[in-house]
């Protein structure tokens, strides 16, 4: 018997809005409402509202909390101050990727880790197994208690500010506020983060408050051009911003260095899981690397798993691809031998039996103007 799909607290709201619901990582999630391209463009020009309550959240508390999180991730948690967040890979001893996560410091002995939905159970088992020796530590999987809404786009602050009892302009990129009231509801975490390449906020609330907040944000955003947005637009937006997706650009067969995430690997911070392997790989040099490319020939869109060839020989594979709504052309990411990773290098992508030319381009494909759109190291 197939495993029953889980639903977020906003399932009924999605159905009422006419969303097309699909299975995703064990959840029944909205892939689109009015259409992927329309929702994508709303985020780039105005704002979109995403239900990302399927994501997992772990809470670390106690005197050993910082030590535990710093051991688990490659980035430097010790440099975080209260109200700050960071992005980081989390690795196995061989340097390959368990997951990529967000870490929030709520206090000196209080941290959150946000993980990908498909990995929640696996990640929690990994986290608990690899921190059980740390004294003064409590780790809880609070995923079922928390809902997460992502308000993304250039109009995000204008929409959210009238509802928020805090100065959102004071929340810098990759910073957070805790306990702020929004639409009369006390949020758990309100951070200036996102997965679209645009300005925006990710808002964590008790699951019971999710529907009330969702409707308040939709109502406040209507005059600004806000649209509810599904997983389809979330994927095309993150791909234009060249942000990795677990199971595509990163997984248990890839390392952060190969994926171009070296700025989030702090080899000098002290011991962490995977450090020796990553230090060795950095010293020896990469054999392959993740590249961004655009299609030069017409005739198809690159998709995950398509082969990449050079001089008739298969040398790599596409990890993600789409027709970019913003750029108006097919784009993709994929792994190729390191010597083929330079900007301007051309190769073929094999699409439906045809070898179509592609060219390596700078990363990211799209970068908004204004404050940094990507997490800083």
Protein backbone atom coordinates (compact mmCIF):
# COMPACT_ATOMS: atom_id res chain seq x y z
CA UNK A 1 0.00 0.00 0.00
CA UNK A 2 1.31 3.45 -0.91
CA UNK A 3 2.28 5.67 1.98
CA UNK A 4 -0.40 8.25 2.75
CA UNK A 5 0.68 11.76 1.82
CA UNK A 6 0.93 14.31 4.59
CA UNK A 7 -0.77 17.69 4.36
CA UNK A 8 0.29 21.08 5.67
CA UNK A 9 -2.09 23.18 7.80
CA UNK A 10 -2.87 25.16 4.63
CA UNK A 11 -4.11 22.25 2.51
CA UNK A 12 -7.76 23.39 2.58
CA UNK A 13 -6.75 26.94 1.69
CA UNK A 14 -4.86 25.68 -1.36
CA UNK A 15 -7.81 23.62 -2.55
CA UNK A 16 -10.18 26.59 -2.19
CA UNK A 17 -7.80 28.65 -4.33
CA UNK A 18 -7.94 26.02 -7.06
CA UNK A 19 -4.36 24.86 -6.64
CA UNK A 20 -3.15 21.82 -8.53
CA UNK A 21 -1.96 19.49 -5.77
CA UNK A 22 0.84 16.98 -6.38
CA UNK A 23 2.92 14.54 -4.32
CA UNK A 24 6.24 16.03 -3.19
CA UNK A 25 8.64 14.53 -0.64
CA UNK A 26 5.81 12.65 1.04
CA UNK A 27 3.51 15.67 1.11
CA UNK A 28 0.52 16.79 -0.95
CA UNK A 29 1.64 20.24 -2.08
CA UNK A 30 0.46 22.95 -4.51
CA UNK A 31 2.56 22.94 -7.69
CA UNK A 32 0.67 25.92 -9.16
CA UNK A 33 -2.44 28.07 -8.80
CA UNK A 34 -2.95 30.32 -11.85
CA UNK A 35 0.16 29.07 -13.66
CA UNK A 36 3.88 28.64 -13.04
CA UNK A 37 5.05 31.43 -15.34
CA UNK A 38 2.52 33.95 -14.01
CA UNK A 39 3.46 33.11 -10.41
CA UNK A 40 7.17 33.28 -11.25
CA UNK A 41 6.79 36.73 -12.80
CA UNK A 42 4.74 37.95 -9.84
CA UNK A 43 7.66 37.13 -7.54
CA UNK A 44 10.16 38.88 -9.81
CA UNK A 45 8.03 42.04 -10.19
CA UNK A 46 5.77 42.22 -7.12
CA UNK A 47 5.46 39.34 -4.65
CA UNK A 48 4.48 35.72 -4.20
CA UNK A 49 3.35 33.80 -1.12
CA UNK A 50 4.56 30.22 -0.67
CA UNK A 51 3.51 27.53 1.77
CA UNK A 52 6.74 25.81 2.78
CA UNK A 53 5.39 24.17 5.92
CA UNK A 54 6.63 20.82 4.66
CA UNK A 55 10.19 21.84 5.57
CA UNK A 56 11.67 20.35 8.73
CA UNK A 57 12.78 22.22 11.85
CA UNK A 58 15.04 20.96 14.64
CA UNK A 59 15.57 22.80 17.92
CA UNK A 60 18.88 22.64 19.81
CA UNK A 61 18.94 23.90 23.41
CA UNK A 62 21.34 23.82 26.33
CA UNK A 63 25.01 24.62 26.97
CA UNK A 64 26.05 22.15 24.25
CA UNK A 65 23.81 23.56 21.52
CA UNK A 66 26.40 25.65 19.68
CA UNK A 67 29.01 22.90 19.82
CA UNK A 68 26.51 20.42 18.38
CA UNK A 69 25.44 22.53 15.43
CA UNK A 70 29.02 23.60 14.68
CA UNK A 71 30.08 19.94 14.55
CA UNK A 72 27.28 19.09 12.12
CA UNK A 73 27.67 21.83 9.51
CA UNK A 74 30.56 23.09 7.41
CA UNK A 75 29.93 26.80 7.94
CA UNK A 76 31.07 28.64 11.07
CA UNK A 77 28.22 28.69 13.59
CA UNK A 78 30.50 30.22 16.24
CA UNK A 79 30.45 33.55 14.41
CA UNK A 80 26.66 33.84 14.67
CA UNK A 81 25.23 36.34 17.13
CA UNK A 82 21.67 36.35 18.45
CA UNK A 83 19.21 37.12 15.68
CA UNK A 84 21.47 35.99 12.84
CA UNK A 85 21.21 33.07 10.43
CA UNK A 86 23.51 31.24 8.04
CA UNK A 87 23.28 28.79 5.17
CA UNK A 88 25.42 25.66 5.26
CA UNK A 89 25.95 22.22 3.83
CA UNK A 90 25.86 19.36 6.33
CA UNK A 91 28.22 16.55 5.33
CA UNK A 92 29.05 12.90 5.85
CA UNK A 93 32.61 11.95 6.90
CA UNK A 94 33.54 11.46 3.22
CA UNK A 95 32.59 15.07 2.46
CA UNK A 96 29.41 14.31 0.53
CA UNK A 97 26.20 16.11 1.40
CA UNK A 98 23.66 14.97 3.99
CA UNK A 99 21.59 18.10 3.30
CA UNK A 100 21.84 21.86 2.98
CA UNK A 101 20.33 23.72 5.90
CA UNK A 102 19.58 27.08 7.48
CA UNK A 103 20.82 27.68 11.02
CA UNK A 104 19.28 30.33 13.27
CA UNK A 105 20.77 31.50 16.54
CA UNK A 106 17.87 32.43 18.80
CA UNK A 107 20.11 32.73 21.86
CA UNK A 108 23.51 31.62 23.22
CA UNK A 109 22.06 28.19 24.05
CA UNK A 110 19.19 28.10 21.55
CA UNK A 111 19.51 27.26 17.83
CA UNK A 112 17.20 26.14 15.06
CA UNK A 113 18.14 24.07 12.02
CA UNK A 114 15.80 24.09 9.00
CA UNK A 115 16.14 21.09 6.67
CA UNK A 116 14.65 19.92 3.38
CA UNK A 117 11.30 18.16 3.58
CA UNK A 118 12.46 14.96 1.88
CA UNK A 119 15.31 14.64 4.38
CA UNK A 120 13.62 15.45 7.68
CA UNK A 121 13.57 11.94 9.15
CA UNK A 122 17.00 11.01 7.78
CA UNK A 123 18.51 14.28 8.98
CA UNK A 124 17.08 13.99 12.47
CA UNK A 125 18.49 10.49 12.83
CA UNK A 126 21.88 11.79 11.62
CA UNK A 127 21.80 14.77 13.97
CA UNK A 128 20.91 12.78 17.06
CA UNK A 129 23.39 9.97 16.33
CA UNK A 130 26.27 12.41 15.86
CA UNK A 131 25.62 14.62 18.88
CA UNK A 132 24.63 12.09 21.54
CA UNK A 133 28.02 12.44 23.27
CA UNK A 134 27.62 16.20 23.83
CA UNK A 135 26.65 17.02 27.39
CA UNK A 136 24.08 19.66 28.16
CA UNK A 137 22.24 19.26 24.87
CA UNK A 138 18.59 18.68 24.01
CA UNK A 139 17.53 18.21 20.38
CA UNK A 140 13.88 18.15 19.32
CA UNK A 141 12.22 17.63 15.96
CA UNK A 142 9.60 20.39 16.08
CA UNK A 143 8.55 20.07 12.43
CA UNK A 144 4.99 19.04 13.28
CA UNK A 145 4.50 22.06 15.53
CA UNK A 146 5.70 24.70 13.07
CA UNK A 147 4.34 26.14 9.82
CA UNK A 148 6.48 28.23 7.47
CA UNK A 149 5.27 30.83 4.98
CA UNK A 150 7.62 32.53 2.52
CA UNK A 151 6.70 36.01 1.29
CA UNK A 152 9.07 36.76 -1.59
CA UNK A 153 9.52 39.59 -4.06
CA UNK A 154 10.39 43.30 -4.32
CA UNK A 155 7.08 44.28 -2.69
CA UNK A 156 7.45 41.86 0.24
CA UNK A 157 8.42 44.47 2.83
CA UNK A 158 5.73 46.90 1.70
CA UNK A 159 3.12 44.16 2.11
CA UNK A 160 4.35 42.84 5.43
CA UNK A 161 5.26 46.09 7.22
CA UNK A 162 1.68 47.29 7.97
CA UNK A 163 0.95 43.92 9.60
CA UNK A 164 4.17 43.67 11.61
CA UNK A 165 4.83 45.20 15.03
CA UNK A 166 8.51 45.68 14.23
CA UNK A 167 10.62 47.76 11.85
CA UNK A 168 11.29 45.31 9.03
CA UNK A 169 13.85 47.66 7.55
CA UNK A 170 16.05 46.94 10.57
CA UNK A 171 16.13 43.22 9.74
CA UNK A 172 19.14 42.75 7.50
CA UNK A 173 19.59 39.97 4.95
CA UNK A 174 20.12 36.69 6.81
CA UNK A 175 18.98 38.21 10.08
CA UNK A 176 15.86 37.39 12.07
CA UNK A 177 13.53 38.66 14.76
CA UNK A 178 11.79 36.45 17.29
CA UNK A 179 8.33 36.76 18.80
CA UNK A 180 7.28 39.62 16.50
CA UNK A 181 3.52 39.99 16.11
CA UNK A 182 2.25 39.84 12.53
CA UNK A 183 -1.47 40.30 11.88
CA UNK A 184 -1.98 39.96 15.63
CA UNK A 185 -0.22 36.58 15.74
CA UNK A 186 3.02 36.01 17.61
CA UNK A 187 5.57 34.57 15.19
CA UNK A 188 8.29 32.16 16.27
CA UNK A 189 10.89 33.39 13.77
CA UNK A 190 10.69 36.11 11.12
CA UNK A 191 13.78 36.19 8.92
CA UNK A 192 14.92 38.04 5.82
CA UNK A 193 15.75 34.90 3.88
CA UNK A 194 14.42 33.02 0.88
CA UNK A 195 14.93 30.63 -1.99
CA UNK A 196 14.00 32.79 -4.97
CA UNK A 197 16.81 35.29 -5.51
CA UNK A 198 14.50 38.12 -4.44
CA UNK A 199 14.11 40.10 -1.24
CA UNK A 200 11.63 38.54 1.12
CA UNK A 201 10.79 37.00 4.45
CA UNK A 202 10.31 33.52 5.82
CA UNK A 203 7.81 33.49 8.67
CA UNK A 204 7.57 30.62 11.15
CA UNK A 205 4.42 30.35 13.27
CA UNK A 206 2.68 27.69 15.35
CA UNK A 207 0.89 25.36 12.93
CA UNK A 208 -2.50 26.37 14.35
CA UNK A 209 -1.93 29.99 13.24
CA UNK A 210 -0.87 29.23 9.66
CA UNK A 211 -4.25 29.67 7.96
CA UNK A 212 -4.98 32.99 9.69
CA UNK A 213 -1.59 34.39 8.67
CA UNK A 214 -1.91 33.06 5.11
CA UNK A 215 -5.22 34.82 4.56
CA UNK A 216 -4.00 38.05 6.18
CA UNK A 217 -0.96 38.16 3.90
CA UNK A 218 -2.99 37.41 0.76
CA UNK A 219 -5.43 40.20 1.64
CA UNK A 220 -2.68 42.70 2.43
CA UNK A 221 -0.81 41.80 -0.74
CA UNK A 222 -3.66 41.98 -3.21
CA UNK A 223 -3.23 45.74 -3.97
CA UNK A 224 0.49 45.11 -4.55
CA UNK A 225 0.02 42.32 -7.10
CA UNK A 226 0.77 39.45 -4.71
CA UNK A 227 -0.10 35.96 -5.94
CA UNK A 228 -0.07 32.64 -4.12
CA UNK A 229 2.78 30.64 -5.65
CA UNK A 230 3.44 26.92 -5.84
CA UNK A 231 6.39 24.58 -6.02
CA UNK A 232 6.66 24.99 -9.79
CA UNK A 233 7.50 28.69 -9.56
CA UNK A 234 9.67 28.06 -6.51
CA UNK A 235 11.79 25.72 -8.63
CA UNK A 236 12.15 28.01 -11.66
CA UNK A 237 12.96 30.95 -9.39
CA UNK A 238 15.66 29.11 -7.44
CA UNK A 239 17.14 27.77 -10.69
CA UNK A 240 17.43 31.28 -12.17
CA UNK A 241 19.16 32.26 -8.92
CA UNK A 242 21.42 29.18 -9.27
CA UNK A 243 20.48 27.88 -5.83
CA UNK A 244 21.04 24.14 -5.35
CA UNK A 245 18.24 21.67 -4.71
CA UNK A 246 18.90 18.50 -2.75
CA UNK A 247 18.47 15.48 -4.99
CA UNK A 248 19.54 17.53 -8.01
CA UNK A 249 22.70 19.61 -7.53
CA UNK A 250 23.65 18.11 -4.16
CA UNK A 251 23.25 14.69 -2.55
CA UNK A 252 25.23 11.83 -1.01
CA UNK A 253 27.37 11.56 -4.17
CA UNK A 254 28.46 15.22 -4.39
CA UNK A 255 30.56 17.49 -2.19
CA UNK A 256 29.98 21.19 -1.45
CA UNK A 257 33.25 22.04 -3.21
CA UNK A 258 32.11 20.34 -6.43
CA UNK A 259 28.76 22.15 -6.14
CA UNK A 260 30.39 25.57 -5.96
CA UNK A 261 29.56 25.99 -2.28
CA UNK A 262 33.14 26.32 -1.10
CA UNK A 263 32.49 29.71 0.50
CA UNK A 264 30.25 27.91 3.00
CA UNK A 265 32.96 25.40 3.95
CA UNK A 266 35.13 26.83 6.74
CA UNK A 267 38.09 24.48 6.97
CA UNK A 268 39.83 26.70 9.52
CA UNK A 269 36.96 26.85 12.02
CA UNK A 270 37.96 23.64 13.78
CA UNK A 271 36.68 20.09 13.59
CA UNK A 272 33.40 19.24 11.87
CA UNK A 273 32.06 16.15 10.18
CA UNK A 274 33.60 15.84 6.71
CA UNK A 275 36.44 18.30 7.32
CA UNK A 276 39.32 15.93 6.57
CA UNK A 277 37.79 14.72 3.31
CA UNK A 278 36.97 18.24 2.14
CA UNK A 279 40.44 19.53 3.04
CA UNK A 280 41.95 16.68 1.04
CA UNK A 281 39.71 17.38 -1.95
CA UNK A 282 40.58 21.06 -1.87
CA UNK A 283 44.30 20.25 -1.78
CA UNK A 284 44.12 17.68 -4.57
CA UNK A 285 41.82 19.76 -6.78
CA UNK A 286 38.38 19.08 -8.19
CA UNK A 287 37.80 16.46 -10.85
CA UNK A 288 34.35 17.78 -11.70
CA UNK A 289 32.33 20.88 -10.98
CA UNK A 290 28.80 22.19 -11.18
CA UNK A 291 28.26 24.71 -13.97
CA UNK A 292 25.48 26.96 -15.19
CA UNK A 293 24.78 26.84 -18.90
CA UNK A 294 22.45 28.29 -21.50
CA UNK A 295 21.29 26.52 -24.62
CA UNK A 296 22.60 27.89 -27.92
CA UNK A 297 20.62 25.60 -30.23
CA UNK A 298 16.85 25.57 -30.34
CA UNK A 299 14.91 22.37 -30.06
CA UNK A 300 14.59 21.41 -26.44
CA UNK A 301 14.82 22.17 -22.75
CA UNK A 302 17.49 20.48 -20.61
CA UNK A 303 16.12 18.30 -17.81
CA UNK A 304 17.58 16.40 -14.88
CA UNK A 305 19.45 13.30 -16.01
CA UNK A 306 20.08 14.40 -19.60
CA UNK A 307 23.61 13.60 -20.75
CA UNK A 308 26.25 16.24 -21.46
CA UNK A 309 28.73 15.40 -24.23
CA UNK A 310 31.93 16.87 -25.63
CA UNK A 311 33.36 15.74 -28.97
CA UNK A 312 30.85 12.89 -29.04
CA UNK A 313 31.81 11.54 -25.60
CA UNK A 314 29.45 11.70 -22.61
CA UNK A 315 31.23 13.70 -19.90
CA UNK A 316 28.49 14.73 -17.48
CA UNK A 317 24.82 15.07 -16.64
CA UNK A 318 22.25 17.82 -16.25
CA UNK A 319 21.03 18.31 -12.67
CA UNK A 320 18.27 20.88 -13.34
CA UNK A 321 16.89 22.70 -16.35
CA UNK A 322 13.98 24.86 -17.44
CA UNK A 323 12.77 27.48 -19.87
CA UNK A 324 13.67 30.62 -17.92
CA UNK A 325 10.66 32.97 -17.67
CA UNK A 326 12.93 35.92 -16.86
CA UNK A 327 15.65 35.32 -19.45
CA UNK A 328 13.42 33.86 -22.15
CA UNK A 329 15.77 30.99 -22.97
CA UNK A 330 16.45 27.40 -21.86
CA UNK A 331 18.95 27.21 -18.99
CA UNK A 332 20.37 24.46 -16.84
CA UNK A 333 22.92 23.31 -14.31
CA UNK A 334 25.01 20.19 -14.47
CA UNK A 335 28.26 18.48 -13.57
CA UNK A 336 31.15 18.40 -16.04
CA UNK A 337 34.87 17.63 -15.75
CA UNK A 338 36.64 20.54 -14.05
CA UNK A 339 38.57 21.47 -17.20
CA UNK A 340 35.26 22.13 -18.98
CA UNK A 341 33.95 24.45 -16.28
CA UNK A 342 35.32 27.77 -17.52
CA UNK A 343 32.90 30.47 -18.63
CA UNK A 344 32.37 30.33 -22.39
CA UNK A 345 33.13 26.61 -22.73
CA UNK A 346 30.74 24.88 -25.11
CA UNK A 347 29.40 21.33 -24.99
CA UNK A 348 26.36 19.39 -26.16
CA UNK A 349 23.27 18.41 -24.20
CA UNK A 350 21.60 15.26 -25.53
CA UNK A 351 17.89 16.04 -25.75
CA UNK A 352 15.56 13.45 -27.29
CA UNK A 353 18.34 11.94 -29.34
CA UNK A 354 19.74 15.24 -30.59
CA UNK A 355 23.00 16.89 -29.57
CA UNK A 356 22.17 20.55 -28.91
CA UNK A 357 24.91 23.08 -28.20
CA UNK A 358 25.16 24.79 -24.81
CA UNK A 359 27.58 27.29 -23.29
CA UNK A 360 28.84 27.76 -19.72
CA UNK A 361 27.72 31.12 -18.29
CA UNK A 362 28.43 32.98 -15.03
CA UNK A 363 26.62 31.95 -11.87
CA UNK A 364 23.93 33.00 -11.06
CA UNK A 365 21.78 33.34 -14.17
CA UNK A 366 19.77 36.08 -12.46
CA UNK A 367 20.79 38.51 -9.74
CA UNK A 368 18.44 41.21 -8.55
CA UNK A 369 19.64 44.73 -7.98
CA UNK A 370 19.86 46.02 -4.43
CA UNK A 371 20.99 44.12 -1.32
CA UNK A 372 22.68 40.76 -1.73
CA UNK A 373 20.28 38.13 -3.03
CA UNK A 374 22.42 35.19 -2.00
CA UNK A 375 23.53 34.08 1.45
CA UNK A 376 26.88 35.47 2.47
CA UNK A 377 29.60 33.12 3.59
